[in-house]
Amino acid sequence: MLRQLKWHFLVLSKKVPMRIKNTFNTKNPGTMVTASPDEATKKTVKCVSAIRHNGLIDIRGGSMVGAPGTAAKIFATLAKVGVNIMMISQNPSESSISVIVKQSDLNKAVNALEIELLGKIIKKLEITTDVAIVALIGSGMRGTVGVASRVFGAVAKKSVNVVMIAQGSSELNLAFVVKDSDCKYVVQALHDEFELAKIN
C-alpha cells in the first residue's frame, strides 16, 4: 500500500495523466486525473460522499472566548483516549466548538472531555447521536457563485435540517452534517441537483 501511494504521488508530481478504474466494473471508463482538467469538469461538483454513523459534540463555555490553546486542549484530550476528530466547526464568537466523531467513540470522547475539561474551560456539552457527514468535492466549486445556495436549496426541498457546516478556504469541498436517517435522501437530492450521473 505504501509503495502504491508513493507511485501515485510520483505520477501526480510529474503531471502524468492517471485513470482510476473500478475493479468490480471494468467496462466503466473510470475517472481521469490530470493536471489540467477540461472545461466540462471544471464547471461541475464532481462527487458527493457520505460518512454515516457519527456523533456530534457541541462544546460550550464563556471562558473559551479569546483563550489561547482552548482548541489544542480539546483536541489533545480526545487524542489521549484515541478518538479521531473527523470534522470541526467553530463560531466566530469562540464560545463553542463542534466536533464530529465516530458513533462508536462518542461515549469515550464525552467521558474524557467531562473528566478533563468540564468546569474548567468547558461549561456545557451537548450531544447529538446518529449523524452523517455529507461532502461535495469538485474543482468547479472554486470561485463559482451560487454553489452553496444550490446545495442547501436541494437539501431544504427534502425538508432536511443541516446541523453543522464546514468549508475549506480552497473552496474545493463543502461538508455538512445531517441526521443519519436523512442521509440517503440528501445524497440523492445532490446527485440530481448537480446531474452527477451525467458527469462520470
N, C-alpha and C. Protein backbone atom coordinates (compact mmCIF):
# COMPACT_ATOMS: atom_id res chain seq x y z
N MET A 1 0.83 -1.21 0.00
CA MET A 1 0.00 0.00 0.00
C MET A 1 0.86 1.26 0.00
N LEU A 2 1.92 1.26 0.83
CA LEU A 2 2.82 2.42 0.89
C LEU A 2 3.50 2.63 -0.46
N ARG A 3 3.89 1.53 -1.11
CA ARG A 3 4.53 1.63 -2.42
C ARG A 3 3.55 2.21 -3.45
N GLN A 4 2.28 1.81 -3.37
CA GLN A 4 1.26 2.34 -4.29
C GLN A 4 1.10 3.85 -4.09
N LEU A 5 1.05 4.30 -2.82
CA LEU A 5 0.89 5.72 -2.54
C LEU A 5 2.07 6.52 -3.08
N LYS A 6 3.29 5.99 -2.89
CA LYS A 6 4.48 6.67 -3.41
C LYS A 6 4.41 6.79 -4.93
N TRP A 7 3.94 5.73 -5.59
CA TRP A 7 3.81 5.72 -7.04
C TRP A 7 2.79 6.78 -7.49
N HIS A 8 1.65 6.86 -6.79
CA HIS A 8 0.63 7.85 -7.14
C HIS A 8 1.16 9.27 -6.98
N PHE A 9 1.88 9.52 -5.89
CA PHE A 9 2.44 10.85 -5.67
C PHE A 9 3.46 11.20 -6.74
N LEU A 10 4.26 10.22 -7.15
CA LEU A 10 5.26 10.44 -8.20
C LEU A 10 4.57 10.79 -9.51
N VAL A 11 3.54 10.04 -9.85
CA VAL A 11 2.79 10.28 -11.09
C VAL A 11 2.17 11.67 -11.07
N LEU A 12 1.55 12.04 -9.94
CA LEU A 12 0.92 13.35 -9.84
C LEU A 12 1.94 14.48 -9.88
N SER A 13 3.08 14.29 -9.21
CA SER A 13 4.09 15.35 -9.19
C SER A 13 4.68 15.61 -10.57
N LYS A 14 4.72 14.58 -11.42
CA LYS A 14 5.23 14.72 -12.78
C LYS A 14 4.13 15.11 -13.78
N LYS A 15 2.90 15.29 -13.25
CA LYS A 15 1.74 15.68 -14.05
C LYS A 15 1.43 14.69 -15.17
N VAL A 16 1.62 13.41 -14.86
CA VAL A 16 1.28 12.34 -15.80
C VAL A 16 -0.19 11.99 -15.61
N PRO A 17 -1.01 12.02 -16.68
CA PRO A 17 -2.43 11.67 -16.53
C PRO A 17 -2.59 10.25 -15.97
N MET A 18 -3.58 10.07 -15.10
CA MET A 18 -3.80 8.78 -14.47
C MET A 18 -5.29 8.46 -14.49
N ARG A 19 -5.63 7.24 -14.91
CA ARG A 19 -7.04 6.83 -14.92
C ARG A 19 -7.30 5.89 -13.75
N ILE A 20 -8.32 6.21 -12.95
CA ILE A 20 -8.71 5.37 -11.82
C ILE A 20 -9.95 4.59 -12.23
N LYS A 21 -9.86 3.25 -12.15
CA LYS A 21 -10.97 2.41 -12.61
C LYS A 21 -11.52 1.56 -11.47
N ASN A 22 -12.73 1.08 -11.67
CA ASN A 22 -13.41 0.21 -10.71
C ASN A 22 -13.09 -1.23 -11.07
N THR A 23 -12.41 -1.94 -10.16
CA THR A 23 -12.02 -3.33 -10.44
C THR A 23 -13.22 -4.28 -10.49
N PHE A 24 -14.38 -3.82 -9.93
CA PHE A 24 -15.58 -4.65 -9.97
C PHE A 24 -16.44 -4.35 -11.19
N ASN A 25 -16.08 -3.31 -11.94
CA ASN A 25 -16.83 -2.94 -13.15
C ASN A 25 -15.84 -2.42 -14.18
N THR A 26 -15.14 -3.34 -14.82
CA THR A 26 -14.04 -2.97 -15.72
C THR A 26 -14.52 -2.29 -17.01
N LYS A 27 -15.80 -2.40 -17.33
CA LYS A 27 -16.32 -1.73 -18.54
C LYS A 27 -16.53 -0.24 -18.32
N ASN A 28 -16.62 0.17 -17.06
CA ASN A 28 -16.78 1.59 -16.75
C ASN A 28 -15.46 2.30 -17.07
N PRO A 29 -15.52 3.45 -17.77
CA PRO A 29 -14.27 4.14 -18.14
C PRO A 29 -13.50 4.71 -16.96
N GLY A 30 -14.15 4.84 -15.81
CA GLY A 30 -13.46 5.35 -14.63
C GLY A 30 -13.30 6.86 -14.66
N THR A 31 -12.34 7.35 -13.87
CA THR A 31 -12.10 8.79 -13.74
C THR A 31 -10.68 9.11 -14.17
N MET A 32 -10.53 10.09 -15.05
CA MET A 32 -9.21 10.53 -15.50
C MET A 32 -8.75 11.69 -14.60
N VAL A 33 -7.58 11.53 -14.00
CA VAL A 33 -6.98 12.57 -13.16
C VAL A 33 -5.86 13.21 -13.96
N THR A 34 -5.97 14.52 -14.20
CA THR A 34 -4.95 15.24 -14.97
C THR A 34 -4.59 16.55 -14.28
N ALA A 35 -3.47 17.12 -14.68
CA ALA A 35 -3.04 18.41 -14.13
C ALA A 35 -3.92 19.54 -14.65
N SER A 36 -4.49 19.35 -15.85
CA SER A 36 -5.33 20.39 -16.46
C SER A 36 -6.66 19.78 -16.88
N PRO A 37 -7.64 19.76 -15.97
CA PRO A 37 -8.95 19.19 -16.29
C PRO A 37 -9.63 19.99 -17.40
N ASP A 38 -10.50 19.31 -18.17
CA ASP A 38 -11.19 20.02 -19.24
C ASP A 38 -12.26 20.95 -18.67
N GLU A 39 -12.79 21.82 -19.49
CA GLU A 39 -13.74 22.84 -19.03
C GLU A 39 -15.01 22.23 -18.44
N ALA A 40 -15.47 21.11 -19.02
CA ALA A 40 -16.69 20.47 -18.53
C ALA A 40 -16.52 20.02 -17.09
N THR A 41 -15.32 19.49 -16.78
CA THR A 41 -15.04 19.03 -15.43
C THR A 41 -14.97 20.20 -14.46
N LYS A 42 -14.35 21.30 -14.89
CA LYS A 42 -14.19 22.46 -14.02
C LYS A 42 -15.52 23.08 -13.63
N LYS A 43 -16.54 22.88 -14.45
CA LYS A 43 -17.82 23.53 -14.18
C LYS A 43 -18.74 22.71 -13.30
N THR A 44 -18.24 21.61 -12.75
CA THR A 44 -19.13 20.73 -12.00
C THR A 44 -18.66 20.46 -10.59
N VAL A 45 -19.62 20.12 -9.73
CA VAL A 45 -19.32 19.41 -8.49
C VAL A 45 -19.05 17.98 -8.95
N LYS A 46 -17.91 17.45 -8.61
CA LYS A 46 -17.50 16.16 -9.18
C LYS A 46 -18.11 14.96 -8.47
N CYS A 47 -18.23 15.05 -7.15
CA CYS A 47 -18.81 13.89 -6.45
C CYS A 47 -19.41 14.29 -5.11
N VAL A 48 -20.27 13.43 -4.62
CA VAL A 48 -20.86 13.56 -3.29
C VAL A 48 -20.54 12.28 -2.53
N SER A 49 -20.05 12.44 -1.31
CA SER A 49 -19.79 11.25 -0.49
C SER A 49 -20.43 11.43 0.88
N ALA A 50 -20.62 10.33 1.57
CA ALA A 50 -21.25 10.38 2.90
C ALA A 50 -20.51 9.47 3.86
N ILE A 51 -20.36 9.94 5.09
CA ILE A 51 -19.79 9.13 6.17
C ILE A 51 -20.87 9.05 7.25
N ARG A 52 -21.38 7.86 7.45
CA ARG A 52 -22.53 7.69 8.33
C ARG A 52 -22.12 7.19 9.71
N HIS A 53 -23.11 7.17 10.63
CA HIS A 53 -22.96 6.63 11.98
C HIS A 53 -21.90 7.37 12.80
N ASN A 54 -22.16 8.67 12.97
CA ASN A 54 -21.27 9.52 13.75
C ASN A 54 -22.03 10.21 14.87
N GLY A 55 -21.27 10.86 15.76
CA GLY A 55 -21.86 11.66 16.83
C GLY A 55 -21.31 13.07 16.80
N LEU A 56 -22.13 14.04 17.17
CA LEU A 56 -21.72 15.44 17.22
C LEU A 56 -21.62 15.88 18.67
N ILE A 57 -20.50 16.50 19.03
CA ILE A 57 -20.31 17.06 20.37
C ILE A 57 -20.18 18.57 20.23
N ASP A 58 -21.11 19.30 20.82
CA ASP A 58 -21.04 20.76 20.84
C ASP A 58 -20.46 21.17 22.19
N ILE A 59 -19.27 21.75 22.16
CA ILE A 59 -18.52 22.09 23.37
C ILE A 59 -18.66 23.59 23.60
N ARG A 60 -19.22 23.98 24.75
CA ARG A 60 -19.51 25.40 25.01
C ARG A 60 -18.88 25.88 26.30
N GLY A 61 -18.57 27.18 26.32
CA GLY A 61 -18.04 27.77 27.54
C GLY A 61 -17.60 29.20 27.32
N GLY A 62 -18.08 30.09 28.18
CA GLY A 62 -17.71 31.50 28.07
C GLY A 62 -16.23 31.74 28.24
N SER A 63 -15.57 30.89 29.04
CA SER A 63 -14.13 31.07 29.28
C SER A 63 -13.29 30.65 28.07
N MET A 64 -13.93 30.06 27.06
CA MET A 64 -13.23 29.69 25.84
C MET A 64 -12.93 30.91 24.97
N VAL A 65 -13.72 31.97 25.15
CA VAL A 65 -13.60 33.16 24.30
C VAL A 65 -12.25 33.83 24.50
N GLY A 66 -11.49 33.93 23.41
CA GLY A 66 -10.20 34.61 23.45
C GLY A 66 -9.11 33.92 24.23
N ALA A 67 -9.36 32.69 24.67
CA ALA A 67 -8.36 31.96 25.47
C ALA A 67 -7.46 31.14 24.55
N PRO A 68 -6.18 31.51 24.43
CA PRO A 68 -5.27 30.74 23.57
C PRO A 68 -5.14 29.30 24.03
N GLY A 69 -5.11 28.39 23.07
CA GLY A 69 -4.89 26.98 23.38
C GLY A 69 -6.12 26.18 23.74
N THR A 70 -7.32 26.80 23.68
CA THR A 70 -8.54 26.07 24.03
C THR A 70 -8.76 24.88 23.10
N ALA A 71 -8.69 25.14 21.80
CA ALA A 71 -8.89 24.06 20.83
C ALA A 71 -7.83 22.98 21.00
N ALA A 72 -6.59 23.40 21.25
CA ALA A 72 -5.50 22.44 21.44
C ALA A 72 -5.77 21.52 22.63
N LYS A 73 -6.30 22.07 23.72
CA LYS A 73 -6.61 21.27 24.90
C LYS A 73 -7.72 20.26 24.61
N ILE A 74 -8.73 20.70 23.86
CA ILE A 74 -9.83 19.80 23.49
C ILE A 74 -9.31 18.66 22.62
N PHE A 75 -8.53 19.02 21.60
CA PHE A 75 -8.02 18.02 20.67
C PHE A 75 -7.05 17.06 21.36
N ALA A 76 -6.21 17.60 22.24
CA ALA A 76 -5.25 16.75 22.97
C ALA A 76 -5.97 15.78 23.90
N THR A 77 -7.05 16.25 24.53
CA THR A 77 -7.84 15.39 25.43
C THR A 77 -8.44 14.22 24.66
N LEU A 78 -8.96 14.49 23.48
CA LEU A 78 -9.55 13.42 22.67
C LEU A 78 -8.47 12.51 22.09
N ALA A 79 -7.35 13.09 21.70
CA ALA A 79 -6.25 12.27 21.15
C ALA A 79 -5.71 11.30 22.20
N LYS A 80 -5.67 11.76 23.45
CA LYS A 80 -5.13 10.94 24.54
C LYS A 80 -5.93 9.65 24.74
N VAL A 81 -7.23 9.69 24.44
CA VAL A 81 -8.05 8.48 24.59
C VAL A 81 -8.30 7.79 23.24
N GLY A 82 -7.56 8.21 22.21
CA GLY A 82 -7.62 7.54 20.92
C GLY A 82 -8.84 7.86 20.08
N VAL A 83 -9.40 9.05 20.27
CA VAL A 83 -10.58 9.45 19.49
C VAL A 83 -10.15 10.36 18.34
N ASN A 84 -10.51 9.99 17.14
CA ASN A 84 -10.21 10.79 15.95
C ASN A 84 -11.34 11.79 15.70
N ILE A 85 -10.96 13.04 15.48
CA ILE A 85 -11.94 14.08 15.13
C ILE A 85 -12.06 14.12 13.61
N MET A 86 -13.27 13.93 13.11
CA MET A 86 -13.48 13.85 11.67
C MET A 86 -13.84 15.18 11.03
N MET A 87 -14.41 16.09 11.82
CA MET A 87 -14.85 17.37 11.28
C MET A 87 -14.96 18.36 12.44
N ILE A 88 -14.63 19.62 12.16
CA ILE A 88 -14.62 20.67 13.18
C ILE A 88 -15.33 21.91 12.65
N SER A 89 -16.04 22.60 13.53
CA SER A 89 -16.62 23.90 13.18
C SER A 89 -16.62 24.76 14.44
N GLN A 90 -16.20 26.02 14.28
CA GLN A 90 -16.19 26.94 15.42
C GLN A 90 -16.87 28.23 15.03
N ASN A 91 -17.70 28.75 15.94
CA ASN A 91 -18.37 30.01 15.60
C ASN A 91 -17.44 31.19 15.88
N PRO A 92 -17.67 32.33 15.21
CA PRO A 92 -16.76 33.48 15.36
C PRO A 92 -16.66 34.03 16.77
N SER A 93 -17.67 33.81 17.60
CA SER A 93 -17.62 34.32 18.97
C SER A 93 -16.65 33.54 19.84
N GLU A 94 -16.21 32.36 19.33
CA GLU A 94 -15.27 31.47 20.03
C GLU A 94 -15.86 30.83 21.27
N SER A 95 -17.18 30.97 21.47
CA SER A 95 -17.80 30.42 22.68
C SER A 95 -18.20 28.95 22.52
N SER A 96 -18.06 28.40 21.32
CA SER A 96 -18.35 26.98 21.14
C SER A 96 -17.53 26.40 19.99
N ILE A 97 -17.22 25.12 20.14
CA ILE A 97 -16.55 24.34 19.10
C ILE A 97 -17.35 23.06 18.94
N SER A 98 -17.70 22.73 17.70
CA SER A 98 -18.42 21.49 17.43
C SER A 98 -17.49 20.51 16.73
N VAL A 99 -17.52 19.27 17.18
CA VAL A 99 -16.68 18.24 16.57
C VAL A 99 -17.54 17.02 16.25
N ILE A 100 -17.13 16.33 15.20
CA ILE A 100 -17.78 15.07 14.81
C ILE A 100 -16.80 13.93 15.06
N VAL A 101 -17.29 12.89 15.74
CA VAL A 101 -16.50 11.68 15.97
C VAL A 101 -17.35 10.48 15.58
N LYS A 102 -16.70 9.35 15.43
CA LYS A 102 -17.45 8.12 15.14
C LYS A 102 -18.42 7.82 16.29
N GLN A 103 -19.59 7.32 15.95
CA GLN A 103 -20.59 6.98 16.97
C GLN A 103 -20.01 6.02 18.01
N SER A 104 -19.16 5.10 17.55
CA SER A 104 -18.56 4.12 18.47
C SER A 104 -17.57 4.76 19.45
N ASP A 105 -17.08 5.97 19.14
CA ASP A 105 -16.15 6.68 20.02
C ASP A 105 -16.84 7.75 20.87
N LEU A 106 -18.13 7.94 20.68
CA LEU A 106 -18.82 9.08 21.29
C LEU A 106 -18.77 9.06 22.82
N ASN A 107 -19.11 7.94 23.44
CA ASN A 107 -19.10 7.86 24.91
C ASN A 107 -17.71 8.10 25.47
N LYS A 108 -16.71 7.50 24.83
CA LYS A 108 -15.33 7.68 25.27
C LYS A 108 -14.90 9.14 25.18
N ALA A 109 -15.30 9.81 24.09
CA ALA A 109 -14.96 11.22 23.88
C ALA A 109 -15.63 12.11 24.93
N VAL A 110 -16.90 11.88 25.15
CA VAL A 110 -17.65 12.69 26.12
C VAL A 110 -17.09 12.50 27.53
N ASN A 111 -16.82 11.25 27.90
CA ASN A 111 -16.26 10.98 29.23
C ASN A 111 -14.92 11.69 29.44
N ALA A 112 -14.07 11.65 28.43
CA ALA A 112 -12.75 12.29 28.53
C ALA A 112 -12.88 13.80 28.68
N LEU A 113 -13.77 14.40 27.91
CA LEU A 113 -13.97 15.85 27.99
C LEU A 113 -14.55 16.26 29.34
N GLU A 114 -15.49 15.45 29.84
CA GLU A 114 -16.09 15.76 31.15
C GLU A 114 -15.06 15.67 32.27
N ILE A 115 -14.25 14.63 32.25
CA ILE A 115 -13.26 14.43 33.31
C ILE A 115 -12.17 15.49 33.26
N GLU A 116 -11.67 15.79 32.07
CA GLU A 116 -10.51 16.68 31.93
C GLU A 116 -10.87 18.17 31.92
N LEU A 117 -12.00 18.53 31.27
CA LEU A 117 -12.21 19.95 30.98
C LEU A 117 -13.52 20.56 31.48
N LEU A 118 -14.50 19.73 31.82
CA LEU A 118 -15.78 20.28 32.27
C LEU A 118 -15.61 21.00 33.60
N GLY A 119 -16.15 22.22 33.66
CA GLY A 119 -15.99 23.03 34.86
C GLY A 119 -14.71 23.84 34.87
N LYS A 120 -13.87 23.62 33.88
CA LYS A 120 -12.62 24.40 33.75
C LYS A 120 -12.80 25.36 32.57
N ILE A 121 -12.46 24.88 31.36
CA ILE A 121 -12.69 25.74 30.20
C ILE A 121 -14.02 25.45 29.53
N ILE A 122 -14.60 24.29 29.84
CA ILE A 122 -15.89 23.91 29.24
C ILE A 122 -16.99 24.06 30.28
N LYS A 123 -18.06 24.72 29.86
CA LYS A 123 -19.21 24.88 30.75
C LYS A 123 -20.27 23.82 30.47
N LYS A 124 -20.42 23.43 29.20
CA LYS A 124 -21.53 22.56 28.83
C LYS A 124 -21.17 21.73 27.60
N LEU A 125 -21.65 20.50 27.55
CA LEU A 125 -21.52 19.64 26.38
C LEU A 125 -22.92 19.28 25.90
N GLU A 126 -23.17 19.44 24.61
CA GLU A 126 -24.44 18.99 24.02
C GLU A 126 -24.12 17.92 22.99
N ILE A 127 -24.82 16.81 23.08
CA ILE A 127 -24.53 15.65 22.25
C ILE A 127 -25.68 15.39 21.28
N THR A 128 -25.33 15.12 20.03
CA THR A 128 -26.32 14.68 19.03
C THR A 128 -25.83 13.35 18.46
N THR A 129 -26.62 12.31 18.62
CA THR A 129 -26.22 10.99 18.13
C THR A 129 -26.76 10.76 16.71
N ASP A 130 -26.19 9.76 16.06
CA ASP A 130 -26.67 9.30 14.74
C ASP A 130 -26.73 10.42 13.72
N VAL A 131 -25.57 10.98 13.39
CA VAL A 131 -25.50 11.99 12.34
C VAL A 131 -24.58 11.50 11.22
N ALA A 132 -24.73 12.09 10.06
CA ALA A 132 -23.91 11.73 8.89
C ALA A 132 -23.25 12.98 8.33
N ILE A 133 -22.01 12.82 7.86
CA ILE A 133 -21.31 13.89 7.15
C ILE A 133 -21.57 13.70 5.67
N VAL A 134 -22.01 14.75 5.00
CA VAL A 134 -22.17 14.74 3.55
C VAL A 134 -21.16 15.73 2.98
N ALA A 135 -20.33 15.28 2.04
CA ALA A 135 -19.30 16.14 1.48
C ALA A 135 -19.41 16.20 -0.04
N LEU A 136 -19.24 17.42 -0.57
CA LEU A 136 -19.19 17.63 -2.01
C LEU A 136 -17.77 18.04 -2.38
N ILE A 137 -17.27 17.50 -3.48
CA ILE A 137 -15.91 17.79 -3.91
C ILE A 137 -15.93 18.14 -5.39
N GLY A 138 -15.13 19.13 -5.77
CA GLY A 138 -15.02 19.46 -7.19
C GLY A 138 -14.28 20.75 -7.43
N SER A 139 -13.40 20.75 -8.43
CA SER A 139 -12.64 21.95 -8.75
C SER A 139 -13.54 23.07 -9.25
N GLY A 140 -14.71 22.70 -9.79
CA GLY A 140 -15.65 23.70 -10.29
C GLY A 140 -16.32 24.51 -9.20
N MET A 141 -16.14 24.11 -7.95
CA MET A 141 -16.75 24.85 -6.84
C MET A 141 -15.98 26.14 -6.54
N ARG A 142 -14.69 26.15 -6.85
CA ARG A 142 -13.86 27.30 -6.51
C ARG A 142 -14.28 28.54 -7.29
N GLY A 143 -14.65 29.59 -6.59
CA GLY A 143 -14.99 30.86 -7.21
C GLY A 143 -16.32 30.89 -7.94
N THR A 144 -17.08 29.79 -7.86
CA THR A 144 -18.37 29.74 -8.56
C THR A 144 -19.47 30.23 -7.63
N VAL A 145 -20.13 31.30 -8.03
CA VAL A 145 -21.19 31.89 -7.23
C VAL A 145 -22.42 30.97 -7.25
N GLY A 146 -23.01 30.74 -6.08
CA GLY A 146 -24.27 30.02 -6.01
C GLY A 146 -24.19 28.54 -5.74
N VAL A 147 -22.98 27.98 -5.60
CA VAL A 147 -22.88 26.54 -5.35
C VAL A 147 -23.52 26.19 -4.01
N ALA A 148 -23.16 26.93 -2.95
CA ALA A 148 -23.72 26.65 -1.63
C ALA A 148 -25.23 26.83 -1.63
N SER A 149 -25.70 27.83 -2.36
CA SER A 149 -27.14 28.07 -2.46
C SER A 149 -27.85 26.87 -3.09
N ARG A 150 -27.27 26.32 -4.14
CA ARG A 150 -27.85 25.14 -4.80
C ARG A 150 -27.82 23.93 -3.87
N VAL A 151 -26.70 23.78 -3.15
CA VAL A 151 -26.56 22.64 -2.23
C VAL A 151 -27.64 22.68 -1.16
N PHE A 152 -27.73 23.81 -0.46
CA PHE A 152 -28.66 23.88 0.67
C PHE A 152 -30.10 24.05 0.21
N GLY A 153 -30.29 24.57 -1.01
CA GLY A 153 -31.63 24.61 -1.59
C GLY A 153 -32.15 23.21 -1.86
N ALA A 154 -31.27 22.35 -2.41
CA ALA A 154 -31.65 20.96 -2.69
C ALA A 154 -31.95 20.21 -1.39
N VAL A 155 -31.17 20.49 -0.34
CA VAL A 155 -31.39 19.85 0.96
C VAL A 155 -32.72 20.32 1.56
N ALA A 156 -32.99 21.63 1.45
CA ALA A 156 -34.22 22.20 2.01
C ALA A 156 -35.46 21.62 1.35
N LYS A 157 -35.36 21.33 0.05
CA LYS A 157 -36.52 20.75 -0.68
C LYS A 157 -36.91 19.39 -0.11
N LYS A 158 -35.96 18.72 0.53
CA LYS A 158 -36.24 17.43 1.17
C LYS A 158 -36.66 17.60 2.64
N SER A 159 -36.84 18.87 3.06
CA SER A 159 -37.22 19.20 4.44
C SER A 159 -36.23 18.64 5.47
N VAL A 160 -34.95 18.70 5.11
CA VAL A 160 -33.89 18.20 5.98
C VAL A 160 -33.17 19.38 6.61
N ASN A 161 -32.91 19.26 7.92
CA ASN A 161 -32.19 20.30 8.65
C ASN A 161 -30.69 20.02 8.64
N VAL A 162 -29.90 21.06 8.36
CA VAL A 162 -28.44 20.96 8.41
C VAL A 162 -28.00 21.41 9.80
N VAL A 163 -27.24 20.55 10.51
CA VAL A 163 -26.88 20.87 11.90
C VAL A 163 -25.47 21.41 12.06
N MET A 164 -24.65 21.30 11.01
CA MET A 164 -23.27 21.80 11.09
C MET A 164 -22.72 21.92 9.68
N ILE A 165 -21.87 22.94 9.45
CA ILE A 165 -21.30 23.19 8.13
C ILE A 165 -19.81 23.49 8.28
N ALA A 166 -18.99 23.00 7.33
CA ALA A 166 -17.57 23.36 7.28
C ALA A 166 -17.13 23.42 5.83
N GLN A 167 -16.35 24.46 5.50
CA GLN A 167 -15.79 24.58 4.15
C GLN A 167 -14.37 25.10 4.25
N GLY A 168 -13.46 24.47 3.52
CA GLY A 168 -12.08 24.93 3.50
C GLY A 168 -11.94 26.17 2.64
N SER A 169 -10.88 26.95 2.87
CA SER A 169 -10.67 28.19 2.12
C SER A 169 -10.36 27.92 0.65
N SER A 170 -9.96 26.70 0.31
CA SER A 170 -9.70 26.37 -1.09
C SER A 170 -10.97 26.34 -1.92
N GLU A 171 -12.13 26.21 -1.26
CA GLU A 171 -13.45 26.12 -1.90
C GLU A 171 -13.60 24.87 -2.77
N LEU A 172 -12.70 23.90 -2.61
CA LEU A 172 -12.77 22.69 -3.42
C LEU A 172 -13.68 21.64 -2.79
N ASN A 173 -14.09 21.87 -1.56
CA ASN A 173 -15.02 20.94 -0.93
C ASN A 173 -15.92 21.68 0.05
N LEU A 174 -17.06 21.10 0.28
CA LEU A 174 -18.04 21.63 1.22
C LEU A 174 -18.62 20.44 1.97
N ALA A 175 -18.59 20.50 3.29
CA ALA A 175 -19.11 19.39 4.09
C ALA A 175 -20.14 19.92 5.08
N PHE A 176 -21.17 19.11 5.32
CA PHE A 176 -22.18 19.48 6.30
C PHE A 176 -22.73 18.23 6.94
N VAL A 177 -23.47 18.43 8.03
CA VAL A 177 -23.94 17.30 8.83
C VAL A 177 -25.46 17.30 8.89
N VAL A 178 -26.04 16.11 8.72
CA VAL A 178 -27.49 15.92 8.82
C VAL A 178 -27.75 14.69 9.67
N LYS A 179 -29.00 14.47 10.04
CA LYS A 179 -29.36 13.24 10.75
C LYS A 179 -29.05 12.05 9.85
N ASP A 180 -28.58 10.98 10.46
CA ASP A 180 -28.23 9.79 9.68
C ASP A 180 -29.42 9.27 8.87
N SER A 181 -30.60 9.37 9.43
CA SER A 181 -31.80 8.87 8.75
C SER A 181 -32.14 9.68 7.49
N ASP A 182 -31.61 10.91 7.39
CA ASP A 182 -31.86 11.75 6.22
C ASP A 182 -30.78 11.63 5.16
N CYS A 183 -29.71 10.94 5.47
CA CYS A 183 -28.51 10.95 4.62
C CYS A 183 -28.79 10.52 3.17
N LYS A 184 -29.47 9.39 2.99
CA LYS A 184 -29.65 8.89 1.62
C LYS A 184 -30.50 9.82 0.77
N TYR A 185 -31.47 10.50 1.40
CA TYR A 185 -32.32 11.43 0.65
C TYR A 185 -31.52 12.67 0.23
N VAL A 186 -30.63 13.11 1.10
CA VAL A 186 -29.79 14.27 0.81
C VAL A 186 -28.81 13.94 -0.32
N VAL A 187 -28.15 12.80 -0.24
CA VAL A 187 -27.19 12.40 -1.27
C VAL A 187 -27.88 12.29 -2.63
N GLN A 188 -29.07 11.70 -2.66
CA GLN A 188 -29.80 11.58 -3.92
C GLN A 188 -30.20 12.94 -4.45
N ALA A 189 -30.64 13.83 -3.56
CA ALA A 189 -31.04 15.18 -3.97
C ALA A 189 -29.87 15.93 -4.60
N LEU A 190 -28.67 15.78 -4.03
CA LEU A 190 -27.49 16.45 -4.56
C LEU A 190 -27.04 15.84 -5.88
N HIS A 191 -27.15 14.52 -6.00
CA HIS A 191 -26.86 13.87 -7.28
C HIS A 191 -27.77 14.43 -8.37
N ASP A 192 -29.04 14.59 -8.04
CA ASP A 192 -30.00 15.12 -9.02
C ASP A 192 -29.72 16.58 -9.33
N GLU A 193 -29.44 17.38 -8.31
CA GLU A 193 -29.22 18.82 -8.49
C GLU A 193 -28.03 19.09 -9.41
N PHE A 194 -26.94 18.34 -9.21
CA PHE A 194 -25.72 18.59 -9.99
C PHE A 194 -25.54 17.59 -11.14
N GLU A 195 -26.58 16.79 -11.40
CA GLU A 195 -26.61 15.84 -12.52
C GLU A 195 -25.33 15.00 -12.56
N LEU A 196 -24.98 14.43 -11.41
CA LEU A 196 -23.72 13.69 -11.31
C LEU A 196 -23.70 12.41 -12.14
N ALA A 197 -24.87 11.87 -12.43
CA ALA A 197 -24.93 10.67 -13.26
C ALA A 197 -24.42 10.95 -14.68
N LYS A 198 -24.48 12.21 -15.10
CA LYS A 198 -24.04 12.59 -16.45
C LYS A 198 -22.56 12.95 -16.52
N ILE A 199 -21.91 13.10 -15.34
CA ILE A 199 -20.53 13.56 -15.32
C ILE A 199 -19.55 12.41 -15.50
N ASN A 200 -19.78 11.32 -14.78
CA ASN A 200 -18.80 10.21 -14.80
C ASN A 200 -19.18 9.16 -15.82
